[in-house]
């Protein structure tokens, strides 16, 4: 891995970028003798999303949204029509409560 000063990199930036792309080598950029950056070519992934490399590496075992309880137990809790919200019809418009002064 080659190390170069920041002033040298600044003066020859485009040429150095081309060399890194062609050779695949990494270059460490120094400022006052200390490393401040590393330059290397991008990964060979053809996708524009890095997450695409993970496609096909996971397996869905079960329903990730549904309840954890067994289905027959869940049906006995909710009844045939599903869960009813307290206070009446779930499709009815809700009334807004007014806030009053806290005195």
C-alpha atoms as a PDB file:
ATOM      1  CA  UNK A   1       0.000   0.000   0.000  1.00  0.00           C
ATOM      2  CA  UNK A   2       1.486   3.308  -1.090  1.00  0.00           C
ATOM      3  CA  UNK A   3       1.439   6.472   1.029  1.00  0.00           C
ATOM      4  CA  UNK A   4       1.461   9.973  -0.454  1.00  0.00           C
ATOM      5  CA  UNK A   5       1.294  13.479   0.963  1.00  0.00           C
ATOM      6  CA  UNK A   6      -1.934  15.441   0.632  1.00  0.00           C
ATOM      7  CA  UNK A   7      -0.193  18.187  -1.348  1.00  0.00           C
ATOM      8  CA  UNK A   8       1.041  15.614  -3.897  1.00  0.00           C
ATOM      9  CA  UNK A   9      -2.455  14.104  -4.100  1.00  0.00           C
ATOM     10  CA  UNK A  10      -3.997  17.546  -4.589  1.00  0.00           C
ATOM     11  CA  UNK A  11      -1.669  18.369  -7.469  1.00  0.00           C
ATOM     12  CA  UNK A  12      -2.148  15.012  -9.260  1.00  0.00           C
ATOM     13  CA  UNK A  13      -5.603  13.946  -8.101  1.00  0.00           C
ATOM     14  CA  UNK A  14      -7.116  12.877 -11.439  1.00  0.00           C
ATOM     15  CA  UNK A  15      -4.062  10.888 -12.482  1.00  0.00           C
ATOM     16  CA  UNK A  16      -3.948   9.115  -9.111  1.00  0.00           C
ATOM     17  CA  UNK A  17      -7.674   8.298  -9.320  1.00  0.00           C
ATOM     18  CA  UNK A  18      -7.175   6.742 -12.753  1.00  0.00           C
ATOM     19  CA  UNK A  19      -4.258   4.665 -11.471  1.00  0.00           C
ATOM     20  CA  UNK A  20      -6.281   3.356  -8.516  1.00  0.00           C
ATOM     21  CA  UNK A  21      -9.154   2.380 -10.807  1.00  0.00           C
ATOM     22  CA  UNK A  22      -6.835   0.573 -13.253  1.00  0.00           C
ATOM     23  CA  UNK A  23      -4.563  -1.216 -10.779  1.00  0.00           C
ATOM     24  CA  UNK A  24      -6.933  -1.689  -7.822  1.00  0.00           C
ATOM     25  CA  UNK A  25      -4.228  -0.665  -5.354  1.00  0.00           C
ATOM     26  CA  UNK A  26      -4.970   1.235  -2.158  1.00  0.00           C
ATOM     27  CA  UNK A  27      -3.305   4.554  -1.416  1.00  0.00           C
ATOM     28  CA  UNK A  28      -3.016   6.204   1.996  1.00  0.00           C
ATOM     29  CA  UNK A  29      -3.098  10.002   1.942  1.00  0.00           C
ATOM     30  CA  UNK A  30      -0.998  11.707   4.618  1.00  0.00           C
ATOM     31  CA  UNK A  31      -1.256  15.171   6.098  1.00  0.00           C
ATOM     32  CA  UNK A  32       1.772  16.261   8.139  1.00  0.00           C
ATOM     33  CA  UNK A  33       2.920  12.640   8.188  1.00  0.00           C
ATOM     34  CA  UNK A  34      -0.334  11.246   9.617  1.00  0.00           C
ATOM     35  CA  UNK A  35      -2.860   9.182   7.642  1.00  0.00           C
ATOM     36  CA  UNK A  36      -6.090  11.112   6.979  1.00  0.00           C
ATOM     37  CA  UNK A  37      -7.696   9.057   4.214  1.00  0.00           C
ATOM     38  CA  UNK A  38      -7.474   5.851   2.203  1.00  0.00           C
ATOM     39  CA  UNK A  39      -8.270   5.670  -1.470  1.00  0.00           C
ATOM     40  CA  UNK A  40      -9.354   2.421  -3.131  1.00  0.00           C
ATOM     41  CA  UNK A  41     -11.524   1.406  -6.080  1.00  0.00           C
ATOM     42  CA  UNK A  42     -15.248   0.745  -5.604  1.00  0.00           C
ATOM     43  CA  UNK A  43     -16.542  -2.789  -5.143  1.00  0.00           C
ATOM     44  CA  UNK A  44     -17.329  -4.802  -8.250  1.00  0.00           C
ATOM     45  CA  UNK A  45     -21.044  -4.938  -7.417  1.00  0.00           C
ATOM     46  CA  UNK A  46     -23.203  -4.313 -10.477  1.00  0.00           C
ATOM     47  CA  UNK A  47     -26.119  -3.046  -8.413  1.00  0.00           C
ATOM     48  CA  UNK A  48     -26.520   0.571  -7.440  1.00  0.00           C
ATOM     49  CA  UNK A  49     -27.724  -0.455  -3.946  1.00  0.00           C
ATOM     50  CA  UNK A  50     -25.202  -2.035  -1.534  1.00  0.00           C
ATOM     51  CA  UNK A  51     -28.021  -3.984   0.150  1.00  0.00           C
ATOM     52  CA  UNK A  52     -28.513  -5.960  -3.074  1.00  0.00           C
ATOM     53  CA  UNK A  53     -25.414  -7.999  -2.231  1.00  0.00           C
ATOM     54  CA  UNK A  54     -27.394  -9.496   0.684  1.00  0.00           C
ATOM     55  CA  UNK A  55     -30.255 -10.721  -1.492  1.00  0.00           C
ATOM     56  CA  UNK A  56     -30.911 -14.413  -0.939  1.00  0.00           C
ATOM     57  CA  UNK A  57     -28.862 -14.659   2.264  1.00  0.00           C
ATOM     58  CA  UNK A  58     -31.831 -14.618   4.693  1.00  0.00           C
ATOM     59  CA  UNK A  59     -34.685 -17.039   5.197  1.00  0.00           C
ATOM     60  CA  UNK A  60     -38.139 -16.097   6.482  1.00  0.00           C
ATOM     61  CA  UNK A  61     -39.200 -18.781   8.931  1.00  0.00           C
ATOM     62  CA  UNK A  62     -42.699 -17.549   9.786  1.00  0.00           C
ATOM     63  CA  UNK A  63     -45.026 -14.590   9.813  1.00  0.00           C
ATOM     64  CA  UNK A  64     -43.007 -11.580  10.979  1.00  0.00           C
ATOM     65  CA  UNK A  65     -46.088  -9.367  11.424  1.00  0.00           C
ATOM     66  CA  UNK A  66     -48.642 -11.695  12.956  1.00  0.00           C
ATOM     67  CA  UNK A  67     -49.085 -12.627  16.603  1.00  0.00           C
ATOM     68  CA  UNK A  68     -46.778 -15.035  18.386  1.00  0.00           C
ATOM     69  CA  UNK A  69     -49.618 -17.088  19.905  1.00  0.00           C
ATOM     70  CA  UNK A  70     -50.913 -20.178  18.051  1.00  0.00           C
ATOM     71  CA  UNK A  71     -53.665 -19.437  15.529  1.00  0.00           C
ATOM     72  CA  UNK A  72     -56.351 -21.532  17.241  1.00  0.00           C
ATOM     73  CA  UNK A  73     -55.720 -19.716  20.536  1.00  0.00           C
ATOM     74  CA  UNK A  74     -55.798 -16.311  18.809  1.00  0.00           C
ATOM     75  CA  UNK A  75     -59.173 -17.118  17.206  1.00  0.00           C
ATOM     76  CA  UNK A  76     -60.650 -17.950  20.616  1.00  0.00           C
ATOM     77  CA  UNK A  77     -59.450 -14.600  21.991  1.00  0.00           C
ATOM     78  CA  UNK A  78     -60.759 -12.414  19.188  1.00  0.00           C
ATOM     79  CA  UNK A  79     -63.869 -14.260  18.129  1.00  0.00           C
ATOM     80  CA  UNK A  80     -64.880 -14.790  14.535  1.00  0.00           C
ATOM     81  CA  UNK A  81     -65.099 -11.085  13.660  1.00  0.00           C
ATOM     82  CA  UNK A  82     -61.707 -10.015  14.886  1.00  0.00           C
ATOM     83  CA  UNK A  83     -60.834  -7.656  17.722  1.00  0.00           C
ATOM     84  CA  UNK A  84     -63.411  -5.013  18.595  1.00  0.00           C
ATOM     85  CA  UNK A  85     -62.199  -1.666  19.798  1.00  0.00           C
ATOM     86  CA  UNK A  86     -63.670  -0.471  23.073  1.00  0.00           C
ATOM     87  CA  UNK A  87     -66.218   2.279  22.712  1.00  0.00           C
ATOM     88  CA  UNK A  88     -68.212   1.053  19.742  1.00  0.00           C
ATOM     89  CA  UNK A  89     -67.806   0.943  15.996  1.00  0.00           C
ATOM     90  CA  UNK A  90     -64.206   0.987  14.777  1.00  0.00           C
ATOM     91  CA  UNK A  91     -65.244   2.744  11.556  1.00  0.00           C
ATOM     92  CA  UNK A  92     -67.103   5.583  13.282  1.00  0.00           C
ATOM     93  CA  UNK A  93     -65.382   8.968  13.287  1.00  0.00           C
ATOM     94  CA  UNK A  94     -63.584   9.738  16.511  1.00  0.00           C
ATOM     95  CA  UNK A  95     -64.378  12.829  18.551  1.00  0.00           C
ATOM     96  CA  UNK A  96     -61.525  15.110  19.401  1.00  0.00           C
ATOM     97  CA  UNK A  97     -61.115  15.965  23.027  1.00  0.00           C
ATOM     98  CA  UNK A  98     -60.683  19.600  23.960  1.00  0.00           C
ATOM     99  CA  UNK A  99     -57.952  20.617  26.258  1.00  0.00           C
ATOM    100  CA  UNK A 100     -58.893  22.966  29.017  1.00  0.00           C
ATOM    101  CA  UNK A 101     -56.695  25.277  31.012  1.00  0.00           C
ATOM    102  CA  UNK A 102     -54.830  23.511  33.763  1.00  0.00           C
ATOM    103  CA  UNK A 103     -55.808  25.906  36.549  1.00  0.00           C
END
